[in-house]
């Protein structure tokens, strides 16, 4: 068993690592209130399956080393929300996750996180649900219903700050200088393009150069 856990990339003593605590996470009540009547939060399982049959562990083991930590934190957030803080990624019964749960999770994440972050968490949840199907914990219909949610849409504004009054004034001066420069340059160019040559012998007088 210890070798199985080591291969899957988790501690051999079975520690789950606890929940990821962050002040920016959605409140658990935000998800519970969105669930329809009769669909309360999920309870943690008393006896999780072995690592090689655990959908969350199998999913995380399929990821690269760099992605594993990020997606595990995403699963911890989802598990915390849907269980009212009673379960983590390794004690939540993922096979019991249904469409109404995932819809409530999406709504809570969309209201708290940037679209890219929320979609990453939803992607982690979707990956575990698919592993539940591959491991024979749920059928294809339950898998499709639990995964059938639209991604979070939105536009992330670039980071920055408001300009000070002095910076705005400096920009106005630069703009005015650029607007006035082409006209003056054209005048100077038109004046320098005419060159008078000395009067030719027997000519009528000075003429523009080249004419």
N, C-alpha and C. Protein backbone atom coordinates (compact mmCIF):
# COMPACT_ATOMS: atom_id res chain seq x y z
N UNK A 1 0.83 -1.20 0.00
CA UNK A 1 0.00 0.00 0.00
C UNK A 1 0.87 1.26 0.00
N UNK A 2 1.97 1.19 0.77
CA UNK A 2 2.86 2.35 0.81
C UNK A 2 3.46 2.63 -0.54
N UNK A 3 3.80 1.56 -1.29
CA UNK A 3 4.35 1.75 -2.62
C UNK A 3 3.33 2.38 -3.55
N UNK A 4 2.06 1.98 -3.43
CA UNK A 4 1.01 2.57 -4.26
C UNK A 4 0.89 4.06 -4.00
N UNK A 5 0.93 4.45 -2.74
CA UNK A 5 0.82 5.86 -2.40
C UNK A 5 2.04 6.63 -2.88
N UNK A 6 3.21 6.02 -2.79
CA UNK A 6 4.40 6.71 -3.25
C UNK A 6 4.35 6.92 -4.76
N UNK A 7 3.88 5.92 -5.50
CA UNK A 7 3.78 6.03 -6.95
C UNK A 7 2.78 7.11 -7.34
N UNK A 8 1.68 7.21 -6.60
CA UNK A 8 0.66 8.20 -6.90
C UNK A 8 1.06 9.59 -6.44
N UNK A 9 2.18 9.71 -5.75
CA UNK A 9 2.67 11.04 -5.40
C UNK A 9 2.11 11.59 -4.10
N UNK A 10 1.69 10.74 -3.16
CA UNK A 10 1.12 11.20 -1.90
C UNK A 10 1.85 10.55 -0.74
N UNK A 11 1.79 11.16 0.45
CA UNK A 11 2.51 10.63 1.60
C UNK A 11 2.06 9.21 1.92
N UNK A 12 3.00 8.37 2.35
CA UNK A 12 2.68 6.98 2.65
C UNK A 12 1.84 6.82 3.90
N UNK A 13 1.80 7.85 4.78
CA UNK A 13 1.02 7.74 6.01
C UNK A 13 -0.43 8.12 5.81
N UNK A 14 -0.82 8.49 4.58
CA UNK A 14 -2.23 8.76 4.30
C UNK A 14 -2.70 10.13 4.67
N UNK A 15 -1.80 11.05 5.02
CA UNK A 15 -2.22 12.39 5.40
C UNK A 15 -2.84 13.12 4.21
N UNK A 16 -3.85 13.89 4.47
CA UNK A 16 -4.53 14.62 3.40
C UNK A 16 -3.99 16.02 3.24
N UNK A 17 -3.32 16.53 4.25
CA UNK A 17 -2.74 17.87 4.12
C UNK A 17 -3.67 18.98 4.58
N UNK A 18 -4.92 18.67 4.90
CA UNK A 18 -5.83 19.69 5.40
C UNK A 18 -6.36 20.58 4.32
N UNK A 19 -7.28 21.46 4.70
CA UNK A 19 -7.90 22.37 3.76
C UNK A 19 -7.00 23.58 3.52
N UNK A 20 -7.11 24.12 2.35
CA UNK A 20 -6.35 25.31 2.01
C UNK A 20 -7.12 26.53 2.50
N UNK A 21 -6.55 27.24 3.43
CA UNK A 21 -7.25 28.37 4.02
C UNK A 21 -6.88 29.65 3.29
N UNK A 22 -7.87 30.37 2.83
CA UNK A 22 -7.63 31.64 2.13
C UNK A 22 -8.80 32.56 2.37
N UNK A 23 -8.56 33.83 2.69
CA UNK A 23 -9.66 34.77 2.90
C UNK A 23 -10.44 35.07 1.64
N UNK A 24 -9.86 34.76 0.47
CA UNK A 24 -10.53 35.05 -0.80
C UNK A 24 -11.46 33.94 -1.25
N UNK A 25 -11.53 32.84 -0.52
CA UNK A 25 -12.37 31.74 -0.95
C UNK A 25 -13.84 32.09 -0.72
N UNK A 26 -14.73 31.58 -1.56
CA UNK A 26 -16.16 31.86 -1.37
C UNK A 26 -16.65 31.30 -0.05
N UNK A 27 -17.63 31.95 0.52
CA UNK A 27 -18.20 31.44 1.75
C UNK A 27 -18.98 30.17 1.48
N UNK A 28 -18.92 29.22 2.42
CA UNK A 28 -19.62 27.94 2.25
C UNK A 28 -21.12 28.17 2.11
N UNK A 29 -21.65 29.15 2.83
CA UNK A 29 -23.09 29.41 2.75
C UNK A 29 -23.51 29.82 1.35
N UNK A 30 -22.60 30.41 0.59
CA UNK A 30 -22.94 30.84 -0.77
C UNK A 30 -23.30 29.65 -1.65
N UNK A 31 -22.67 28.50 -1.41
CA UNK A 31 -22.96 27.30 -2.18
C UNK A 31 -24.17 26.58 -1.62
N UNK A 32 -24.24 26.44 -0.30
CA UNK A 32 -25.35 25.72 0.32
C UNK A 32 -26.68 26.39 0.01
N UNK A 33 -26.71 27.72 0.00
CA UNK A 33 -27.96 28.42 -0.28
C UNK A 33 -28.42 28.23 -1.71
N UNK A 34 -27.49 27.92 -2.62
CA UNK A 34 -27.85 27.75 -4.02
C UNK A 34 -28.36 26.34 -4.32
N UNK A 35 -28.17 25.40 -3.41
CA UNK A 35 -28.61 24.03 -3.66
C UNK A 35 -30.12 23.94 -3.55
N UNK A 36 -30.76 23.15 -4.43
CA UNK A 36 -32.21 22.99 -4.34
C UNK A 36 -32.60 22.20 -3.10
N UNK A 37 -33.87 22.24 -2.76
CA UNK A 37 -34.37 21.53 -1.59
C UNK A 37 -34.08 20.04 -1.73
N UNK A 38 -33.61 19.44 -0.65
CA UNK A 38 -33.30 18.02 -0.67
C UNK A 38 -31.89 17.71 -1.14
N UNK A 39 -31.13 18.71 -1.54
CA UNK A 39 -29.75 18.51 -1.99
C UNK A 39 -28.82 19.28 -1.08
N UNK A 40 -28.59 18.75 0.09
CA UNK A 40 -27.74 19.41 1.05
C UNK A 40 -26.27 19.17 0.77
N UNK A 41 -25.40 19.70 1.62
CA UNK A 41 -23.96 19.49 1.43
C UNK A 41 -23.59 18.02 1.58
N UNK A 42 -22.52 17.63 0.92
CA UNK A 42 -22.06 16.25 0.98
C UNK A 42 -21.30 16.00 2.27
N UNK A 43 -21.44 14.81 2.81
CA UNK A 43 -20.75 14.43 4.03
C UNK A 43 -19.48 13.67 3.68
N UNK A 44 -18.44 13.81 4.49
CA UNK A 44 -17.19 13.08 4.21
C UNK A 44 -17.39 11.58 4.37
N UNK A 45 -16.69 10.83 3.57
CA UNK A 45 -16.78 9.39 3.66
C UNK A 45 -15.95 8.87 4.82
N UNK A 46 -16.48 7.87 5.52
CA UNK A 46 -15.79 7.34 6.70
C UNK A 46 -14.58 6.51 6.32
N UNK A 47 -14.65 5.83 5.19
CA UNK A 47 -13.54 4.97 4.78
C UNK A 47 -13.23 5.22 3.31
N UNK A 48 -12.32 6.16 3.01
CA UNK A 48 -11.96 6.45 1.62
C UNK A 48 -11.37 5.21 0.93
N UNK A 49 -11.53 5.12 -0.37
CA UNK A 49 -10.96 3.98 -1.10
C UNK A 49 -9.45 4.03 -1.11
N UNK A 50 -8.79 2.93 -1.44
CA UNK A 50 -7.32 2.94 -1.51
C UNK A 50 -6.84 3.91 -2.57
N UNK A 51 -5.59 4.34 -2.48
CA UNK A 51 -5.09 5.37 -3.40
C UNK A 51 -5.26 5.03 -4.87
N UNK A 52 -5.07 3.76 -5.27
CA UNK A 52 -5.17 3.42 -6.68
C UNK A 52 -6.60 3.35 -7.17
N UNK A 53 -7.58 3.48 -6.26
CA UNK A 53 -9.00 3.51 -6.63
C UNK A 53 -9.67 4.82 -6.20
N UNK A 54 -8.87 5.76 -5.70
CA UNK A 54 -9.41 7.04 -5.24
C UNK A 54 -9.44 8.00 -6.42
N UNK A 55 -10.61 8.50 -6.82
CA UNK A 55 -10.68 9.34 -8.03
C UNK A 55 -9.84 10.60 -7.94
N UNK A 56 -9.82 11.29 -6.80
CA UNK A 56 -9.03 12.52 -6.68
C UNK A 56 -7.54 12.22 -6.73
N UNK A 57 -7.11 11.15 -6.06
CA UNK A 57 -5.69 10.80 -6.07
C UNK A 57 -5.24 10.34 -7.46
N UNK A 58 -6.08 9.56 -8.12
CA UNK A 58 -5.72 9.09 -9.46
C UNK A 58 -5.64 10.27 -10.43
N UNK A 59 -6.58 11.21 -10.30
CA UNK A 59 -6.54 12.39 -11.17
C UNK A 59 -5.28 13.20 -10.94
N UNK A 60 -4.94 13.47 -9.69
CA UNK A 60 -3.76 14.28 -9.39
C UNK A 60 -2.49 13.56 -9.82
N UNK A 61 -2.47 12.24 -9.71
CA UNK A 61 -1.28 11.49 -10.12
C UNK A 61 -1.07 11.54 -11.62
N UNK A 62 -2.12 11.83 -12.38
CA UNK A 62 -1.99 11.91 -13.84
C UNK A 62 -1.41 13.24 -14.30
N UNK A 63 -1.28 14.21 -13.40
CA UNK A 63 -0.79 15.53 -13.75
C UNK A 63 0.72 15.62 -13.60
N UNK A 64 1.27 16.66 -14.18
CA UNK A 64 2.70 16.90 -14.02
C UNK A 64 2.98 17.42 -12.62
N UNK A 65 4.24 17.38 -12.25
CA UNK A 65 4.61 17.81 -10.90
C UNK A 65 4.23 19.26 -10.65
N UNK A 66 4.38 20.12 -11.67
CA UNK A 66 4.06 21.52 -11.49
C UNK A 66 2.58 21.81 -11.36
N UNK A 67 1.74 21.01 -12.02
CA UNK A 67 0.30 21.25 -11.99
C UNK A 67 -0.38 20.59 -10.80
N UNK A 68 0.26 19.61 -10.21
CA UNK A 68 -0.40 18.82 -9.16
C UNK A 68 -0.77 19.67 -7.96
N UNK A 69 0.14 20.53 -7.53
CA UNK A 69 -0.14 21.34 -6.34
C UNK A 69 -1.26 22.34 -6.58
N UNK A 70 -1.26 22.95 -7.77
CA UNK A 70 -2.31 23.93 -8.09
C UNK A 70 -3.68 23.28 -8.15
N UNK A 71 -3.77 22.15 -8.82
CA UNK A 71 -5.06 21.49 -8.97
C UNK A 71 -5.52 20.85 -7.67
N UNK A 72 -4.59 20.44 -6.83
CA UNK A 72 -5.00 19.93 -5.52
C UNK A 72 -5.63 21.05 -4.69
N UNK A 73 -5.03 22.24 -4.73
CA UNK A 73 -5.62 23.37 -4.01
C UNK A 73 -7.02 23.68 -4.56
N UNK A 74 -7.20 23.54 -5.87
CA UNK A 74 -8.52 23.76 -6.46
C UNK A 74 -9.52 22.73 -5.95
N UNK A 75 -9.11 21.47 -5.86
CA UNK A 75 -10.00 20.43 -5.36
C UNK A 75 -10.33 20.65 -3.88
N UNK A 76 -9.36 21.14 -3.13
CA UNK A 76 -9.63 21.42 -1.71
C UNK A 76 -10.70 22.50 -1.58
N UNK A 77 -10.63 23.52 -2.42
CA UNK A 77 -11.64 24.59 -2.38
C UNK A 77 -13.02 24.05 -2.72
N UNK A 78 -13.10 23.26 -3.78
CA UNK A 78 -14.39 22.69 -4.20
C UNK A 78 -14.95 21.78 -3.12
N UNK A 79 -14.11 20.91 -2.56
CA UNK A 79 -14.57 19.98 -1.52
C UNK A 79 -15.05 20.72 -0.28
N UNK A 80 -14.32 21.77 0.09
CA UNK A 80 -14.70 22.57 1.25
C UNK A 80 -16.07 23.21 1.04
N UNK A 81 -16.30 23.71 -0.15
CA UNK A 81 -17.56 24.38 -0.44
C UNK A 81 -18.74 23.43 -0.41
N UNK A 82 -18.60 22.31 -1.10
CA UNK A 82 -19.73 21.43 -1.30
C UNK A 82 -20.03 20.56 -0.07
N UNK A 83 -19.12 20.56 0.90
CA UNK A 83 -19.34 19.78 2.12
C UNK A 83 -19.54 20.65 3.34
N UNK A 84 -19.67 21.95 3.16
CA UNK A 84 -19.79 22.89 4.29
C UNK A 84 -18.59 22.82 5.22
N UNK A 85 -17.42 22.60 4.64
CA UNK A 85 -16.20 22.58 5.43
C UNK A 85 -15.93 21.30 6.17
N UNK A 86 -16.69 20.25 5.91
CA UNK A 86 -16.53 18.99 6.65
C UNK A 86 -15.61 18.00 5.94
N UNK A 87 -15.31 18.21 4.68
CA UNK A 87 -14.49 17.25 3.93
C UNK A 87 -13.42 17.98 3.16
N UNK A 88 -12.36 17.25 2.83
CA UNK A 88 -11.32 17.79 1.97
C UNK A 88 -11.31 16.99 0.68
N UNK A 89 -10.28 17.20 -0.13
CA UNK A 89 -10.24 16.57 -1.45
C UNK A 89 -10.18 15.05 -1.38
N UNK A 90 -9.70 14.50 -0.26
CA UNK A 90 -9.51 13.07 -0.16
C UNK A 90 -10.56 12.36 0.69
N UNK A 91 -11.43 13.12 1.34
CA UNK A 91 -12.52 12.50 2.11
C UNK A 91 -13.89 12.80 1.52
N UNK A 92 -13.95 13.68 0.51
CA UNK A 92 -15.23 13.97 -0.14
C UNK A 92 -15.64 12.80 -1.04
N UNK A 93 -16.89 12.38 -0.98
CA UNK A 93 -17.36 11.34 -1.90
C UNK A 93 -17.67 11.92 -3.27
N UNK A 94 -16.66 12.03 -4.11
CA UNK A 94 -16.81 12.68 -5.41
C UNK A 94 -17.85 11.99 -6.29
N UNK A 95 -18.06 10.71 -6.08
CA UNK A 95 -19.03 10.00 -6.91
C UNK A 95 -20.46 10.44 -6.64
N UNK A 96 -20.67 11.16 -5.53
CA UNK A 96 -22.01 11.65 -5.21
C UNK A 96 -22.25 13.07 -5.73
N UNK A 97 -21.27 13.64 -6.37
CA UNK A 97 -21.41 15.00 -6.90
C UNK A 97 -22.36 14.99 -8.10
N UNK A 98 -23.39 15.82 -8.04
CA UNK A 98 -24.40 15.85 -9.08
C UNK A 98 -24.43 17.24 -9.74
N UNK A 99 -25.31 17.34 -10.73
CA UNK A 99 -25.40 18.58 -11.51
C UNK A 99 -25.73 19.78 -10.63
N UNK A 100 -26.66 19.60 -9.69
CA UNK A 100 -27.05 20.72 -8.85
C UNK A 100 -25.89 21.21 -7.97
N UNK A 101 -25.01 20.28 -7.57
CA UNK A 101 -23.84 20.69 -6.80
C UNK A 101 -22.87 21.50 -7.65
N UNK A 102 -22.59 21.00 -8.85
CA UNK A 102 -21.61 21.68 -9.69
C UNK A 102 -22.13 23.04 -10.15
N UNK A 103 -23.43 23.16 -10.38
CA UNK A 103 -23.99 24.45 -10.76
C UNK A 103 -23.84 25.46 -9.63
N UNK A 104 -24.09 25.02 -8.41
CA UNK A 104 -23.93 25.91 -7.26
C UNK A 104 -22.47 26.30 -7.07
N UNK A 105 -21.56 25.35 -7.27
CA UNK A 105 -20.14 25.64 -7.15
C UNK A 105 -19.72 26.67 -8.19
N UNK A 106 -20.18 26.49 -9.42
CA UNK A 106 -19.83 27.43 -10.48
C UNK A 106 -20.29 28.84 -10.15
N UNK A 107 -21.52 28.96 -9.65
CA UNK A 107 -22.04 30.29 -9.32
C UNK A 107 -21.21 30.96 -8.23
N UNK A 108 -20.82 30.19 -7.23
CA UNK A 108 -20.03 30.77 -6.14
C UNK A 108 -18.64 31.16 -6.62
N UNK A 109 -18.01 30.32 -7.42
CA UNK A 109 -16.67 30.63 -7.90
C UNK A 109 -16.68 31.81 -8.86
N UNK A 110 -17.71 31.89 -9.71
CA UNK A 110 -17.79 32.98 -10.68
C UNK A 110 -17.95 34.33 -10.00
N UNK A 111 -18.57 34.35 -8.83
CA UNK A 111 -18.76 35.61 -8.12
C UNK A 111 -17.58 36.02 -7.27
N UNK A 112 -16.58 35.15 -7.16
CA UNK A 112 -15.46 35.45 -6.26
C UNK A 112 -14.11 35.52 -6.97
N UNK A 113 -13.93 34.73 -8.01
CA UNK A 113 -12.63 34.62 -8.66
C UNK A 113 -12.67 35.17 -10.08
N UNK A 114 -11.50 35.43 -10.62
CA UNK A 114 -11.37 35.79 -12.03
C UNK A 114 -11.78 34.60 -12.88
N UNK A 115 -12.27 34.84 -14.10
CA UNK A 115 -12.74 33.72 -14.93
C UNK A 115 -11.70 32.62 -15.11
N UNK A 116 -10.45 32.97 -15.33
CA UNK A 116 -9.43 31.95 -15.54
C UNK A 116 -9.24 31.08 -14.30
N UNK A 117 -9.26 31.69 -13.12
CA UNK A 117 -9.10 30.94 -11.89
C UNK A 117 -10.31 30.05 -11.62
N UNK A 118 -11.50 30.60 -11.80
CA UNK A 118 -12.71 29.80 -11.59
C UNK A 118 -12.78 28.62 -12.54
N UNK A 119 -12.43 28.84 -13.80
CA UNK A 119 -12.46 27.76 -14.77
C UNK A 119 -11.42 26.69 -14.47
N UNK A 120 -10.30 27.08 -13.91
CA UNK A 120 -9.28 26.10 -13.52
C UNK A 120 -9.82 25.20 -12.42
N UNK A 121 -10.53 25.77 -11.46
CA UNK A 121 -11.12 24.97 -10.39
C UNK A 121 -12.20 24.05 -10.93
N UNK A 122 -12.99 24.56 -11.85
CA UNK A 122 -14.03 23.72 -12.46
C UNK A 122 -13.40 22.60 -13.29
N UNK A 123 -12.28 22.88 -13.91
CA UNK A 123 -11.59 21.86 -14.69
C UNK A 123 -11.07 20.74 -13.78
N UNK A 124 -10.55 21.11 -12.61
CA UNK A 124 -10.10 20.09 -11.66
C UNK A 124 -11.27 19.22 -11.21
N UNK A 125 -12.39 19.85 -10.91
CA UNK A 125 -13.58 19.08 -10.51
C UNK A 125 -14.02 18.14 -11.63
N UNK A 126 -14.01 18.64 -12.87
CA UNK A 126 -14.41 17.82 -14.01
C UNK A 126 -13.47 16.63 -14.19
N UNK A 127 -12.18 16.85 -13.96
CA UNK A 127 -11.23 15.75 -14.08
C UNK A 127 -11.47 14.65 -13.08
N UNK A 128 -11.83 15.01 -11.85
CA UNK A 128 -12.11 14.00 -10.83
C UNK A 128 -13.40 13.25 -11.15
N UNK A 129 -14.41 13.96 -11.64
CA UNK A 129 -15.66 13.30 -12.01
C UNK A 129 -15.43 12.28 -13.12
N UNK A 130 -14.60 12.62 -14.08
CA UNK A 130 -14.29 11.67 -15.16
C UNK A 130 -13.52 10.46 -14.63
N UNK A 131 -12.68 10.66 -13.62
CA UNK A 131 -11.98 9.53 -13.01
C UNK A 131 -12.97 8.65 -12.25
N UNK A 132 -13.99 9.25 -11.66
CA UNK A 132 -15.04 8.45 -11.02
C UNK A 132 -15.69 7.51 -12.03
N UNK A 133 -15.91 8.01 -13.23
CA UNK A 133 -16.51 7.18 -14.28
C UNK A 133 -15.53 6.09 -14.75
N UNK A 134 -14.28 6.48 -14.93
CA UNK A 134 -13.28 5.50 -15.39
C UNK A 134 -13.07 4.39 -14.37
N UNK A 135 -13.20 4.72 -13.09
CA UNK A 135 -13.02 3.73 -12.03
C UNK A 135 -14.29 2.93 -11.75
N UNK A 136 -15.36 3.22 -12.48
CA UNK A 136 -16.60 2.46 -12.31
C UNK A 136 -17.46 2.91 -11.15
N UNK A 137 -17.20 4.13 -10.62
CA UNK A 137 -17.99 4.61 -9.48
C UNK A 137 -19.33 5.20 -9.92
N UNK A 138 -19.39 5.75 -11.13
CA UNK A 138 -20.63 6.33 -11.66
C UNK A 138 -20.78 5.90 -13.11
N UNK A 139 -21.98 6.09 -13.63
CA UNK A 139 -22.24 5.77 -15.02
C UNK A 139 -21.98 6.95 -15.93
N UNK A 140 -22.09 6.71 -17.22
CA UNK A 140 -21.84 7.77 -18.20
C UNK A 140 -22.85 8.90 -18.09
N UNK A 141 -24.10 8.57 -17.75
CA UNK A 141 -25.12 9.61 -17.65
C UNK A 141 -24.84 10.54 -16.48
N UNK A 142 -24.47 9.98 -15.33
CA UNK A 142 -24.13 10.82 -14.18
C UNK A 142 -22.90 11.67 -14.48
N UNK A 143 -21.93 11.09 -15.18
CA UNK A 143 -20.73 11.85 -15.55
C UNK A 143 -21.08 13.04 -16.43
N UNK A 144 -21.89 12.78 -17.46
CA UNK A 144 -22.22 13.86 -18.39
C UNK A 144 -23.02 14.97 -17.72
N UNK A 145 -23.92 14.61 -16.86
CA UNK A 145 -24.73 15.63 -16.18
C UNK A 145 -23.88 16.45 -15.23
N UNK A 146 -22.98 15.81 -14.52
CA UNK A 146 -22.14 16.54 -13.57
C UNK A 146 -21.15 17.45 -14.27
N UNK A 147 -20.76 17.10 -15.50
CA UNK A 147 -19.79 17.89 -16.24
C UNK A 147 -20.42 18.90 -17.17
N UNK A 148 -21.73 18.86 -17.32
CA UNK A 148 -22.42 19.70 -18.31
C UNK A 148 -22.73 21.08 -17.73
N UNK A 149 -21.70 21.89 -17.54
CA UNK A 149 -21.88 23.26 -17.09
C UNK A 149 -21.01 24.16 -17.96
N UNK A 150 -21.51 25.35 -18.18
CA UNK A 150 -20.79 26.29 -19.05
C UNK A 150 -19.61 26.88 -18.31
N UNK A 151 -18.54 27.22 -19.02
CA UNK A 151 -17.40 27.89 -18.37
C UNK A 151 -17.78 29.29 -17.92
N UNK A 152 -17.02 29.80 -16.99
CA UNK A 152 -17.24 31.16 -16.49
C UNK A 152 -16.73 32.14 -17.54
N UNK A 153 -17.60 33.05 -17.95
CA UNK A 153 -17.25 34.05 -18.95
C UNK A 153 -16.90 35.36 -18.27
N UNK A 154 -16.09 36.14 -18.93
CA UNK A 154 -15.74 37.45 -18.38
C UNK A 154 -14.46 37.93 -18.99
N UNK A 155 -14.14 39.18 -18.70
CA UNK A 155 -12.95 39.82 -19.21
C UNK A 155 -12.15 40.35 -18.04
N UNK A 156 -10.90 39.96 -17.97
CA UNK A 156 -10.02 40.41 -16.91
C UNK A 156 -9.29 41.68 -17.34
N UNK A 157 -9.46 42.73 -16.59
CA UNK A 157 -8.79 43.99 -16.90
C UNK A 157 -7.32 43.91 -16.50
N UNK A 158 -6.45 44.50 -17.29
CA UNK A 158 -5.02 44.49 -16.92
C UNK A 158 -4.77 45.29 -15.65
N UNK A 159 -3.75 44.87 -14.92
CA UNK A 159 -3.40 45.56 -13.69
C UNK A 159 -2.81 46.93 -14.02
N UNK A 160 -3.08 47.90 -13.18
CA UNK A 160 -2.56 49.25 -13.39
C UNK A 160 -3.06 50.18 -12.29
N UNK A 161 -2.96 51.49 -12.54
CA UNK A 161 -3.41 52.48 -11.58
C UNK A 161 -3.90 53.70 -12.33
N UNK A 162 -4.60 54.57 -11.63
CA UNK A 162 -5.07 55.81 -12.22
C UNK A 162 -3.94 56.82 -12.28
N UNK A 163 -3.94 57.61 -13.34
CA UNK A 163 -2.92 58.64 -13.50
C UNK A 163 -3.18 59.81 -12.55
N UNK A 164 -2.11 60.40 -12.07
CA UNK A 164 -2.24 61.59 -11.25
C UNK A 164 -2.54 62.79 -12.14
N UNK A 165 -2.95 63.90 -11.52
CA UNK A 165 -3.24 65.11 -12.30
C UNK A 165 -2.00 65.62 -13.01
N UNK A 166 -0.84 65.52 -12.36
CA UNK A 166 0.40 65.94 -13.01
C UNK A 166 0.74 65.10 -14.22
N UNK A 167 0.53 63.78 -14.13
CA UNK A 167 0.80 62.90 -15.26
C UNK A 167 -0.16 63.17 -16.41
N UNK A 168 -1.41 63.44 -16.09
CA UNK A 168 -2.37 63.76 -17.14
C UNK A 168 -1.98 65.06 -17.85
N UNK A 169 -1.53 66.07 -17.07
CA UNK A 169 -1.11 67.33 -17.68
C UNK A 169 0.09 67.15 -18.57
N UNK A 170 1.03 66.30 -18.15
CA UNK A 170 2.22 66.07 -18.97
C UNK A 170 1.86 65.38 -20.28
N UNK A 171 0.92 64.45 -20.21
CA UNK A 171 0.47 63.78 -21.43
C UNK A 171 -0.22 64.74 -22.38
N UNK A 172 -1.00 65.69 -21.82
CA UNK A 172 -1.66 66.67 -22.68
C UNK A 172 -0.64 67.57 -23.40
N UNK A 173 0.41 67.94 -22.68
CA UNK A 173 1.45 68.76 -23.31
C UNK A 173 2.16 68.01 -24.43
N UNK A 174 2.44 66.75 -24.19
CA UNK A 174 3.09 65.95 -25.23
C UNK A 174 2.19 65.81 -26.45
N UNK A 175 0.90 65.61 -26.19
CA UNK A 175 -0.03 65.45 -27.31
C UNK A 175 -0.13 66.75 -28.11
N UNK A 176 -0.19 67.88 -27.41
CA UNK A 176 -0.26 69.16 -28.13
C UNK A 176 0.99 69.39 -28.96
N UNK A 177 2.14 69.03 -28.40
CA UNK A 177 3.38 69.21 -29.14
C UNK A 177 3.43 68.35 -30.39
N UNK A 178 2.90 67.13 -30.30
CA UNK A 178 2.89 66.26 -31.46
C UNK A 178 1.91 66.74 -32.51
N UNK A 179 0.79 67.32 -32.06
CA UNK A 179 -0.20 67.82 -33.01
C UNK A 179 0.33 69.04 -33.76
N UNK A 180 1.12 69.87 -33.09
CA UNK A 180 1.64 71.09 -33.75
C UNK A 180 2.88 70.82 -34.58
N UNK A 181 3.60 69.78 -34.30
CA UNK A 181 4.86 69.52 -34.97
C UNK A 181 4.72 69.22 -36.46
N UNK A 182 3.82 68.41 -36.91
CA UNK A 182 3.76 68.11 -38.36
C UNK A 182 3.50 69.34 -39.22
N UNK A 183 2.64 70.24 -38.78
CA UNK A 183 2.34 71.43 -39.59
C UNK A 183 3.57 72.32 -39.72
N UNK A 184 4.28 72.54 -38.63
CA UNK A 184 5.48 73.35 -38.70
C UNK A 184 6.56 72.69 -39.54
N UNK A 185 6.64 71.37 -39.44
CA UNK A 185 7.65 70.66 -40.23
C UNK A 185 7.34 70.77 -41.71
N UNK A 186 6.05 70.70 -42.06
CA UNK A 186 5.69 70.83 -43.47
C UNK A 186 6.04 72.22 -44.01
N UNK A 187 5.81 73.26 -43.18
CA UNK A 187 6.14 74.62 -43.62
C UNK A 187 7.64 74.77 -43.85
N UNK A 188 8.43 74.23 -42.93
CA UNK A 188 9.87 74.33 -43.09
C UNK A 188 10.34 73.54 -44.31
N UNK A 189 9.70 72.39 -44.52
CA UNK A 189 10.10 71.57 -45.66
C UNK A 189 9.75 72.25 -46.97
N UNK A 190 8.58 72.89 -47.04
CA UNK A 190 8.19 73.55 -48.28
C UNK A 190 9.08 74.76 -48.56
N UNK A 191 9.53 75.46 -47.52
CA UNK A 191 10.39 76.61 -47.71
C UNK A 191 11.79 76.22 -48.13
N UNK A 192 12.29 75.09 -47.63
CA UNK A 192 13.65 74.68 -47.96
C UNK A 192 13.74 73.93 -49.26
N UNK A 193 12.61 73.55 -49.84
CA UNK A 193 12.66 72.79 -51.08
C UNK A 193 12.90 73.69 -52.29
N UNK A 194 12.74 75.02 -52.13
CA UNK A 194 12.96 75.96 -53.24
C UNK A 194 14.33 76.60 -53.07
N UNK A 195 15.15 76.39 -54.01
CA UNK A 195 16.49 76.98 -53.97
C UNK A 195 16.68 77.83 -55.23
N UNK A 196 17.10 79.05 -55.02
CA UNK A 196 17.36 79.94 -56.17
C UNK A 196 18.80 79.76 -56.62
N UNK A 197 19.00 79.69 -57.92
CA UNK A 197 20.34 79.60 -58.46
C UNK A 197 20.75 80.97 -59.01
N UNK A 198 21.99 81.21 -59.11
CA UNK A 198 22.45 82.53 -59.64
C UNK A 198 21.87 82.79 -61.01
N UNK A 199 21.70 84.06 -61.30
CA UNK A 199 21.11 84.44 -62.59
C UNK A 199 22.01 84.01 -63.73
N UNK A 200 21.43 83.31 -64.65
CA UNK A 200 22.21 82.86 -65.82
C UNK A 200 22.47 84.03 -66.76
N UNK A 201 23.58 83.91 -67.47
CA UNK A 201 23.93 84.98 -68.42
C UNK A 201 22.85 85.12 -69.47
N UNK A 202 22.38 86.32 -69.63
CA UNK A 202 21.36 86.59 -70.65
C UNK A 202 19.98 86.13 -70.24
N UNK A 203 19.84 85.64 -68.98
CA UNK A 203 18.54 85.19 -68.55
C UNK A 203 17.65 86.30 -68.12
N UNK A 204 16.43 85.95 -67.90
CA UNK A 204 15.44 86.95 -67.52
C UNK A 204 15.45 87.24 -66.04
N UNK A 205 16.13 86.41 -65.28
CA UNK A 205 16.13 86.65 -63.83
C UNK A 205 16.19 85.33 -63.08
N UNK A 206 16.24 85.41 -61.78
CA UNK A 206 16.35 84.16 -60.99
C UNK A 206 15.10 83.30 -61.16
N UNK A 207 15.36 82.01 -61.23
CA UNK A 207 14.27 81.04 -61.30
C UNK A 207 14.47 79.95 -60.24
N UNK A 208 13.41 79.32 -59.83
CA UNK A 208 13.56 78.22 -58.87
C UNK A 208 14.50 77.16 -59.42
N UNK A 209 15.31 76.60 -58.57
CA UNK A 209 16.28 75.60 -58.97
C UNK A 209 15.56 74.39 -59.56
N UNK A 210 16.07 73.96 -60.72
CA UNK A 210 15.50 72.77 -61.36
C UNK A 210 14.38 73.07 -62.31
N UNK A 211 13.98 74.33 -62.43
CA UNK A 211 12.90 74.67 -63.34
C UNK A 211 13.43 75.28 -64.62
